[in-house]
PDB file of N, CA and C in Angstrom:
ATOM      1  N   MET A   1      19.482  27.715 -97.683  1.00  0.00           N
ATOM      2  CA  MET A   1      18.139  27.814 -97.117  1.00  0.00           C
ATOM      3  C   MET A   1      18.065  26.879 -95.915  1.00  0.00           C
ATOM      4  N   ASN A   2      17.422  27.331 -94.841  1.00  0.00           N
ATOM      5  CA  ASN A   2      17.380  26.499 -93.648  1.00  0.00           C
ATOM      6  C   ASN A   2      16.298  25.432 -93.733  1.00  0.00           C
ATOM      7  N   SER A   3      16.372  24.465 -92.830  1.00  0.00           N
ATOM      8  CA  SER A   3      15.448  23.330 -92.865  1.00  0.00           C
ATOM      9  C   SER A   3      14.023  23.747 -92.554  1.00  0.00           C
ATOM     10  N   VAL A   4      13.839  24.779 -91.740  1.00  0.00           N
ATOM     11  CA  VAL A   4      12.484  25.240 -91.428  1.00  0.00           C
ATOM     12  C   VAL A   4      11.807  25.772 -92.687  1.00  0.00           C
ATOM     13  N   ALA A   5      12.522  26.557 -93.484  1.00  0.00           N
ATOM     14  CA  ALA A   5      11.953  27.102 -94.727  1.00  0.00           C
ATOM     15  C   ALA A   5      11.627  25.987 -95.705  1.00  0.00           C
ATOM     16  N   PHE A   6      12.431  24.928 -95.705  1.00  0.00           N
ATOM     17  CA  PHE A   6      12.175  23.810 -96.609  1.00  0.00           C
ATOM     18  C   PHE A   6      10.956  23.013 -96.157  1.00  0.00           C
ATOM     19  N   ALA A   7      10.784  22.874 -94.846  1.00  0.00           N
ATOM     20  CA  ALA A   7       9.711  22.027 -94.316  1.00  0.00           C
ATOM     21  C   ALA A   7       8.370  22.748 -94.167  1.00  0.00           C
ATOM     22  N   THR A   8       8.394  24.073 -94.137  1.00  0.00           N
ATOM     23  CA  THR A   8       7.177  24.843 -93.874  1.00  0.00           C
ATOM     24  C   THR A   8       6.443  25.178 -95.167  1.00  0.00           C
ATOM     25  N   HIS A   9       5.161  24.823 -95.212  1.00  0.00           N
ATOM     26  CA  HIS A   9       4.310  25.212 -96.338  1.00  0.00           C
ATOM     27  C   HIS A   9       3.590  26.484 -95.944  1.00  0.00           C
ATOM     28  N   TYR A  10       3.677  27.491 -96.791  1.00  0.00           N
ATOM     29  CA  TYR A  10       3.127  28.813 -96.496  1.00  0.00           C
ATOM     30  C   TYR A  10       1.890  29.043 -97.354  1.00  0.00           C
ATOM     31  N   PRO A  11       0.732  29.343 -96.737  1.00  0.00           N
ATOM     32  CA  PRO A  11      -0.503  29.549 -97.503  1.00  0.00           C
ATOM     33  C   PRO A  11      -0.593  30.956 -98.096  1.00  0.00           C
ATOM     34  N   VAL A  12      -1.096  31.042 -99.322  1.00  0.00           N
ATOM     35  CA  VAL A  12      -1.300  32.323 -99.999  1.00  0.00           C
ATOM     36  C   VAL A  12      -2.714  32.305-100.592  1.00  0.00           C
ATOM     37  N   SER A  13      -3.466  33.352-100.330  1.00  0.00           N
ATOM     38  CA  SER A  13      -4.826  33.452-100.848  1.00  0.00           C
ATOM     39  C   SER A  13      -4.812  34.147-102.210  1.00  0.00           C
ATOM     40  N   CYS A  14      -5.539  33.586-103.170  1.00  0.00           N
ATOM     41  CA  CYS A  14      -5.623  34.172-104.510  1.00  0.00           C
ATOM     42  C   CYS A  14      -6.547  35.393-104.466  1.00  0.00           C
ATOM     43  N   PRO A  15      -6.088  36.534-104.975  1.00  0.00           N
ATOM     44  CA  PRO A  15      -6.948  37.725-104.989  1.00  0.00           C
ATOM     45  C   PRO A  15      -8.120  37.587-105.967  1.00  0.00           C
ATOM     46  N   GLY A  16      -8.009  36.683-106.935  1.00  0.00           N
ATOM     47  CA  GLY A  16      -9.068  36.520-107.929  1.00  0.00           C
ATOM     48  C   GLY A  16     -10.200  35.614-107.483  1.00  0.00           C
ATOM     49  N   CYS A  17      -9.848  34.409-107.006  1.00  0.00           N
ATOM     50  CA  CYS A  17     -10.888  33.432-106.669  1.00  0.00           C
ATOM     51  C   CYS A  17     -10.919  33.064-105.187  1.00  0.00           C
ATOM     52  N   GLN A  18     -10.023  33.633-104.391  1.00  0.00           N
ATOM     53  CA  GLN A  18      -9.939  33.409-102.940  1.00  0.00           C
ATOM     54  C   GLN A  18      -9.530  31.990-102.543  1.00  0.00           C
ATOM     55  N   THR A  19      -9.073  31.186-103.502  1.00  0.00           N
ATOM     56  CA  THR A  19      -8.555  29.851-103.191  1.00  0.00           C
ATOM     57  C   THR A  19      -7.223  30.001-102.471  1.00  0.00           C
ATOM     58  N   ILE A  20      -7.012  29.177-101.460  1.00  0.00           N
ATOM     59  CA  ILE A  20      -5.736  29.194-100.747  1.00  0.00           C
ATOM     60  C   ILE A  20      -4.832  28.131-101.345  1.00  0.00           C
ATOM     61  N   THR A  21      -3.657  28.559-101.762  1.00  0.00           N
ATOM     62  CA  THR A  21      -2.647  27.674-102.329  1.00  0.00           C
ATOM     63  C   THR A  21      -1.418  27.759-101.436  1.00  0.00           C
ATOM     64  N   SER A  22      -0.796  26.633-101.155  1.00  0.00           N
ATOM     65  CA  SER A  22       0.413  26.683-100.335  1.00  0.00           C
ATOM     66  C   SER A  22       1.583  26.057-101.079  1.00  0.00           C
ATOM     67  N   ARG A  23       2.753  26.578-100.785  1.00  0.00           N
ATOM     68  CA  ARG A  23       4.015  26.079-101.337  1.00  0.00           C
ATOM     69  C   ARG A  23       5.046  26.112-100.224  1.00  0.00           C
ATOM     70  N   ARG A  24       6.119  25.374-100.419  1.00  0.00           N
ATOM     71  CA  ARG A  24       7.218  25.449 -99.454  1.00  0.00           C
ATOM     72  C   ARG A  24       7.715  26.882 -99.391  1.00  0.00           C
ATOM     73  N   ALA A  25       7.983  27.344 -98.188  1.00  0.00           N
ATOM     74  CA  ALA A  25       8.478  28.707 -97.998  1.00  0.00           C
ATOM     75  C   ALA A  25       9.775  28.917 -98.768  1.00  0.00           C
ATOM     76  N   SER A  26      10.632  27.908 -98.808  1.00  0.00           N
ATOM     77  CA  SER A  26      11.900  28.041 -99.525  1.00  0.00           C
ATOM     78  C   SER A  26      11.661  28.298-101.016  1.00  0.00           C
ATOM     79  N   GLU A  27      10.652  27.657-101.600  1.00  0.00           N
ATOM     80  CA  GLU A  27      10.325  27.868-103.015  1.00  0.00           C
ATOM     81  C   GLU A  27       9.774  29.275-103.247  1.00  0.00           C
ATOM     82  N   LEU A  28       8.898  29.722-102.344  1.00  0.00           N
ATOM     83  CA  LEU A  28       8.305  31.053-102.495  1.00  0.00           C
ATOM     84  C   LEU A  28       9.347  32.156-102.340  1.00  0.00           C
ATOM     85  N   LEU A  29      10.283  31.980-101.422  1.00  0.00           N
ATOM     86  CA  LEU A  29      11.312  32.992-101.224  1.00  0.00           C
ATOM     87  C   LEU A  29      12.225  33.114-102.435  1.00  0.00           C
ATOM     88  N   GLN A  30      12.415  32.005-103.149  1.00  0.00           N
ATOM     89  CA  GLN A  30      13.261  32.049-104.342  1.00  0.00           C
ATOM     90  C   GLN A  30      12.492  32.557-105.557  1.00  0.00           C
ATOM     91  N   ALA A  31      11.305  32.018-105.790  1.00  0.00           N
ATOM     92  CA  ALA A  31      10.549  32.352-107.003  1.00  0.00           C
ATOM     93  C   ALA A  31       9.767  33.661-106.862  1.00  0.00           C
ATOM     94  N   ARG A  32       9.276  33.958-105.659  1.00  0.00           N
ATOM     95  CA  ARG A  32       8.489  35.157-105.359  1.00  0.00           C
ATOM     96  C   ARG A  32       7.112  35.179-106.027  1.00  0.00           C
ATOM     97  N   PHE A  33       6.679  34.073-106.555  1.00  0.00           N
ATOM     98  CA  PHE A  33       5.329  33.986-107.108  1.00  0.00           C
ATOM     99  C   PHE A  33       4.897  32.526-107.108  1.00  0.00           C
ATOM    100  N   LEU A  34       3.599  32.298-107.296  1.00  0.00           N
ATOM    101  CA  LEU A  34       3.068  30.954-107.457  1.00  0.00           C
ATOM    102  C   LEU A  34       1.812  31.038-108.296  1.00  0.00           C
ATOM    103  N   ALA A  35       1.401  29.909-108.826  1.00  0.00           N
ATOM    104  CA  ALA A  35       0.171  29.841-109.612  1.00  0.00           C
ATOM    105  C   ALA A  35      -0.944  29.318-108.717  1.00  0.00           C
ATOM    106  N   CYS A  36      -2.079  29.993-108.759  1.00  0.00           N
ATOM    107  CA  CYS A  36      -3.241  29.575-107.974  1.00  0.00           C
ATOM    108  C   CYS A  36      -3.691  28.189-108.438  1.00  0.00           C
ATOM    109  N   ARG A  37      -3.981  27.322-107.479  1.00  0.00           N
ATOM    110  CA  ARG A  37      -4.429  25.974-107.840  1.00  0.00           C
ATOM    111  C   ARG A  37      -5.883  25.958-108.297  1.00  0.00           C
ATOM    112  N   GLY A  38      -6.611  27.062-108.038  1.00  0.00           N
ATOM    113  CA  GLY A  38      -8.016  27.136-108.437  1.00  0.00           C
ATOM    114  C   GLY A  38      -8.219  27.707-109.824  1.00  0.00           C
ATOM    115  N   CYS A  39      -7.576  28.847-110.094  1.00  0.00           N
ATOM    116  CA  CYS A  39      -7.819  29.528-111.383  1.00  0.00           C
ATOM    117  C   CYS A  39      -6.545  29.695-112.210  1.00  0.00           C
ATOM    118  N   ASP A  40      -5.413  29.229-111.706  1.00  0.00           N
ATOM    119  CA  ASP A  40      -4.116  29.274-112.389  1.00  0.00           C
ATOM    120  C   ASP A  40      -3.589  30.700-112.585  1.00  0.00           C
ATOM    121  N   MET A  41      -4.142  31.647-111.823  1.00  0.00           N
ATOM    122  CA  MET A  41      -3.656  33.025-111.873  1.00  0.00           C
ATOM    123  C   MET A  41      -2.265  33.099-111.245  1.00  0.00           C
ATOM    124  N   LYS A  42      -1.383  33.894-111.838  1.00  0.00           N
ATOM    125  CA  LYS A  42      -0.044  34.088-111.279  1.00  0.00           C
ATOM    126  C   LYS A  42      -0.158  35.069-110.105  1.00  0.00           C
ATOM    127  N   ILE A  43       0.232  34.610-108.908  1.00  0.00           N
ATOM    128  CA  ILE A  43       0.177  35.445-107.714  1.00  0.00           C
ATOM    129  C   ILE A  43       1.606  35.845-107.367  1.00  0.00           C
ATOM    130  N   GLU A  44       1.878  37.125-107.495  1.00  0.00           N
ATOM    131  CA  GLU A  44       3.207  37.623-107.170  1.00  0.00           C
ATOM    132  C   GLU A  44       3.198  38.145-105.735  1.00  0.00           C
ATOM    133  N   LEU A  45       4.164  37.697-104.945  1.00  0.00           N
ATOM    134  CA  LEU A  45       4.230  38.094-103.548  1.00  0.00           C
ATOM    135  C   LEU A  45       4.911  39.451-103.409  1.00  0.00           C
ATOM    136  N   SER A  46       4.343  40.297-102.579  1.00  0.00           N
ATOM    137  CA  SER A  46       4.923  41.621-102.341  1.00  0.00           C
ATOM    138  C   SER A  46       6.112  41.495-101.388  1.00  0.00           C
ATOM    139  N   GLU A  47       6.906  42.523-101.322  1.00  0.00           N
ATOM    140  CA  GLU A  47       8.045  42.518-100.404  1.00  0.00           C
ATOM    141  C   GLU A  47       7.571  42.413 -98.962  1.00  0.00           C
ATOM    142  N   SER A  48       6.428  43.015 -98.663  1.00  0.00           N
ATOM    143  CA  SER A  48       5.847  42.934 -97.323  1.00  0.00           C
ATOM    144  C   SER A  48       5.482  41.482 -96.969  1.00  0.00           C
ATOM    145  N   GLN A  49       4.864  40.770 -97.909  1.00  0.00           N
ATOM    146  CA  GLN A  49       4.525  39.364 -97.677  1.00  0.00           C
ATOM    147  C   GLN A  49       5.783  38.525 -97.483  1.00  0.00           C
ATOM    148  N   LEU A  50       6.794  38.774 -98.299  1.00  0.00           N
ATOM    149  CA  LEU A  50       8.050  38.024 -98.181  1.00  0.00           C
ATOM    150  C   LEU A  50       8.727  38.299 -96.837  1.00  0.00           C
ATOM    151  N   ASN A  51       8.681  39.551 -96.389  1.00  0.00           N
ATOM    152  CA  ASN A  51       9.271  39.885 -95.096  1.00  0.00           C
ATOM    153  C   ASN A  51       8.525  39.216 -93.949  1.00  0.00           C
ATOM    154  N   ARG A  52       7.196  39.162 -94.024  1.00  0.00           N
ATOM    155  CA  ARG A  52       6.413  38.455 -93.000  1.00  0.00           C
ATOM    156  C   ARG A  52       6.764  36.971 -92.987  1.00  0.00           C
ATOM    157  N   MET A  53       6.939  36.391 -94.170  1.00  0.00           N
ATOM    158  CA  MET A  53       7.302  34.981 -94.267  1.00  0.00           C
ATOM    159  C   MET A  53       8.678  34.742 -93.643  1.00  0.00           C
ATOM    160  N   ARG A  54       9.625  35.618 -93.923  1.00  0.00           N
ATOM    161  CA  ARG A  54      10.972  35.490 -93.344  1.00  0.00           C
ATOM    162  C   ARG A  54      10.923  35.553 -91.820  1.00  0.00           C
ATOM    163  N   ARG A  55      10.118  36.496 -91.292  1.00  0.00           N
ATOM    164  CA  ARG A  55       9.996  36.606 -89.830  1.00  0.00           C
ATOM    165  C   ARG A  55       9.357  35.356 -89.236  1.00  0.00           C
ATOM    166  N   THR A  56       8.334  34.834 -89.900  1.00  0.00           N
ATOM    167  CA  THR A  56       7.672  33.615 -89.423  1.00  0.00           C
ATOM    168  C   THR A  56       8.647  32.452 -89.397  1.00  0.00           C
ATOM    169  N   ILE A  57       9.428  32.301 -90.445  1.00  0.00           N
ATOM    170  CA  ILE A  57      10.402  31.218 -90.519  1.00  0.00           C
ATOM    171  C   ILE A  57      11.467  31.378 -89.431  1.00  0.00           C
ATOM    172  N   ALA A  58      11.911  32.607 -89.208  1.00  0.00           N
ATOM    173  CA  ALA A  58      12.901  32.854 -88.153  1.00  0.00           C
ATOM    174  C   ALA A  58      12.319  32.501 -86.785  1.00  0.00           C
ATOM    175  N   ASP A  59      11.063  32.882 -86.533  1.00  0.00           N
ATOM    176  CA  ASP A  59      10.416  32.561 -85.258  1.00  0.00           C
ATOM    177  C   ASP A  59      10.260  31.059 -85.080  1.00  0.00           C
ATOM    178  N   LEU A  60       9.859  30.365 -86.143  1.00  0.00           N
ATOM    179  CA  LEU A  60       9.732  28.904 -86.068  1.00  0.00           C
ATOM    180  C   LEU A  60      11.081  28.246 -85.805  1.00  0.00           C
ATOM    181  N   GLY A  61      12.124  28.763 -86.434  1.00  0.00           N
ATOM    182  CA  GLY A  61      13.468  28.234 -86.206  1.00  0.00           C
ATOM    183  C   GLY A  61      13.911  28.424 -84.767  1.00  0.00           C
ATOM    184  N   ASP A  62      13.599  29.608 -84.188  1.00  0.00           N
ATOM    185  CA  ASP A  62      13.920  29.855 -82.776  1.00  0.00           C
ATOM    186  C   ASP A  62      13.176  28.884 -81.874  1.00  0.00           C
ATOM    187  N   CYS A  63      11.893  28.661 -82.145  1.00  0.00           N
ATOM    188  CA  CYS A  63      11.101  27.706 -81.357  1.00  0.00           C
ATOM    189  C   CYS A  63      11.688  26.300 -81.457  1.00  0.00           C
ATOM    190  N   GLN A  64      12.081  25.930 -82.653  1.00  0.00           N
ATOM    191  CA  GLN A  64      12.663  24.601 -82.861  1.00  0.00           C
ATOM    192  C   GLN A  64      13.960  24.452 -82.055  1.00  0.00           C
ATOM    193  N   ARG A  65      14.816  25.465 -82.062  1.00  0.00           N
ATOM    194  CA  ARG A  65      16.070  25.408 -81.307  1.00  0.00           C
ATOM    195  C   ARG A  65      15.816  25.357 -79.806  1.00  0.00           C
ATOM    196  N   ARG A  66      14.874  26.184 -79.325  1.00  0.00           N
ATOM    197  CA  ARG A  66      14.563  26.176 -77.888  1.00  0.00           C
ATOM    198  C   ARG A  66      13.976  24.839 -77.467  1.00  0.00           C
ATOM    199  N   SER A  67      13.126  24.247 -78.292  1.00  0.00           N
ATOM    200  CA  SER A  67      12.544  22.947 -77.979  1.00  0.00           C
ATOM    201  C   SER A  67      13.626  21.877 -77.904  1.00  0.00           C
ATOM    202  N   ALA A  68      14.570  21.931 -78.827  1.00  0.00           N
ATOM    203  CA  ALA A  68      15.653  20.939 -78.844  1.00  0.00           C
ATOM    204  C   ALA A  68      16.519  21.054 -77.594  1.00  0.00           C
ATOM    205  N   GLU A  69      16.663  22.266 -77.063  1.00  0.00           N
ATOM    206  CA  GLU A  69      17.463  22.464 -75.855  1.00  0.00           C
ATOM    207  C   GLU A  69      16.786  21.857 -74.635  1.00  0.00           C
ATOM    208  N   HIS A  70      15.450  21.847 -74.620  1.00  0.00           N
ATOM    209  CA  HIS A  70      14.720  21.396 -73.441  1.00  0.00           C
ATOM    210  C   HIS A  70      14.253  19.951 -73.521  1.00  0.00           C
ATOM    211  N   CYS A  71      14.358  19.338 -74.663  1.00  0.00           N
ATOM    212  CA  CYS A  71      13.927  17.946 -74.814  1.00  0.00           C
ATOM    213  C   CYS A  71      15.060  17.012 -74.404  1.00  0.00           C
ATOM    214  N   PRO A  72      14.720  15.936 -73.711  1.00  0.00           N
ATOM    215  CA  PRO A  72      15.774  14.978 -73.373  1.00  0.00           C
ATOM    216  C   PRO A  72      16.292  14.279 -74.623  1.00  0.00           C
ATOM    217  N   ALA A  73      17.540  13.839 -74.557  1.00  0.00           N
ATOM    218  CA  ALA A  73      18.138  13.118 -75.682  1.00  0.00           C
ATOM    219  C   ALA A  73      17.388  11.805 -75.882  1.00  0.00           C
ATOM    220  N   PRO A  74      17.207  11.388 -77.134  1.00  0.00           N
ATOM    221  CA  PRO A  74      16.514  10.122 -77.394  1.00  0.00           C
ATOM    222  C   PRO A  74      17.316   8.947 -76.835  1.00  0.00           C
ATOM    223  N   VAL A  75      16.600   7.961 -76.350  1.00  0.00           N
ATOM    224  CA  VAL A  75      17.229   6.762 -75.802  1.00  0.00           C
ATOM    225  C   VAL A  75      17.338   5.736 -76.914  1.00  0.00           C
ATOM    226  N   ASP A  76      18.530   5.192 -77.095  1.00  0.00           N
ATOM    227  CA  ASP A  76      18.749   4.165 -78.119  1.00  0.00           C
ATOM    228  C   ASP A  76      18.571   2.804 -77.476  1.00  0.00           C
ATOM    229  N   ASN A  77      17.411   2.201 -77.700  1.00  0.00           N
ATOM    230  CA  ASN A  77      17.096   0.907 -77.085  1.00  0.00           C
ATOM    231  C   ASN A  77      17.860  -0.241 -77.719  1.00  0.00           C
ATOM    232  N   ASP A  78      18.418  -0.037 -78.912  1.00  0.00           N
ATOM    233  CA  ASP A  78      19.152  -1.108 -79.592  1.00  0.00           C
ATOM    234  C   ASP A  78      20.619  -1.116 -79.237  1.00  0.00           C
ATOM    235  N   ALA A  79      21.103  -0.135 -78.519  1.00  0.00           N
ATOM    236  CA  ALA A  79      22.536  -0.050 -78.204  1.00  0.00           C
ATOM    237  C   ALA A  79      22.957  -1.198 -77.305  1.00  0.00           C
ATOM    238  N   GLY A  80      23.966  -1.892 -77.750  1.00  0.00           N
ATOM    239  CA  GLY A  80      24.522  -2.977 -76.949  1.00  0.00           C
ATOM    240  C   GLY A  80      23.746  -4.264 -76.977  1.00  0.00           C
ATOM    241  N   SER A  81      22.705  -4.372 -77.785  1.00  0.00           N
ATOM    242  CA  SER A  81      21.914  -5.597 -77.803  1.00  0.00           C
ATOM    243  C   SER A  81      22.563  -6.670 -78.681  1.00  0.00           C
ATOM    244  N   GLY A  82      23.490  -6.266 -79.541  1.00  0.00           N
ATOM    245  CA  GLY A  82      24.205  -7.234 -80.366  1.00  0.00           C
ATOM    246  C   GLY A  82      23.399  -7.786 -81.519  1.00  0.00           C
ATOM    247  N   ASP A  83      22.255  -7.212 -81.814  1.00  0.00           N
ATOM    248  CA  ASP A  83      21.435  -7.720 -82.927  1.00  0.00           C
ATOM    249  C   ASP A  83      21.927  -7.236 -84.232  1.00  0.00           C
TER     250      ASP A  83
END
């Protein structure tokens, strides 16, 4: 599982009580369900929802890679100070 899926919390709305519950995308992709934090109803994700989540994670990963290409390298201010 990639780092974006591990770091991204994906919101899911409960069809019963409309409470929004979020879990790590990596957990949702593996388990394919979660328990609502409001009413404890088991919410099973459809294949369509899982596919949308996969596309979102892929897009976020692309953005992260493009950002890393355009950001300057961090400057190490402690290098050579001998501390």
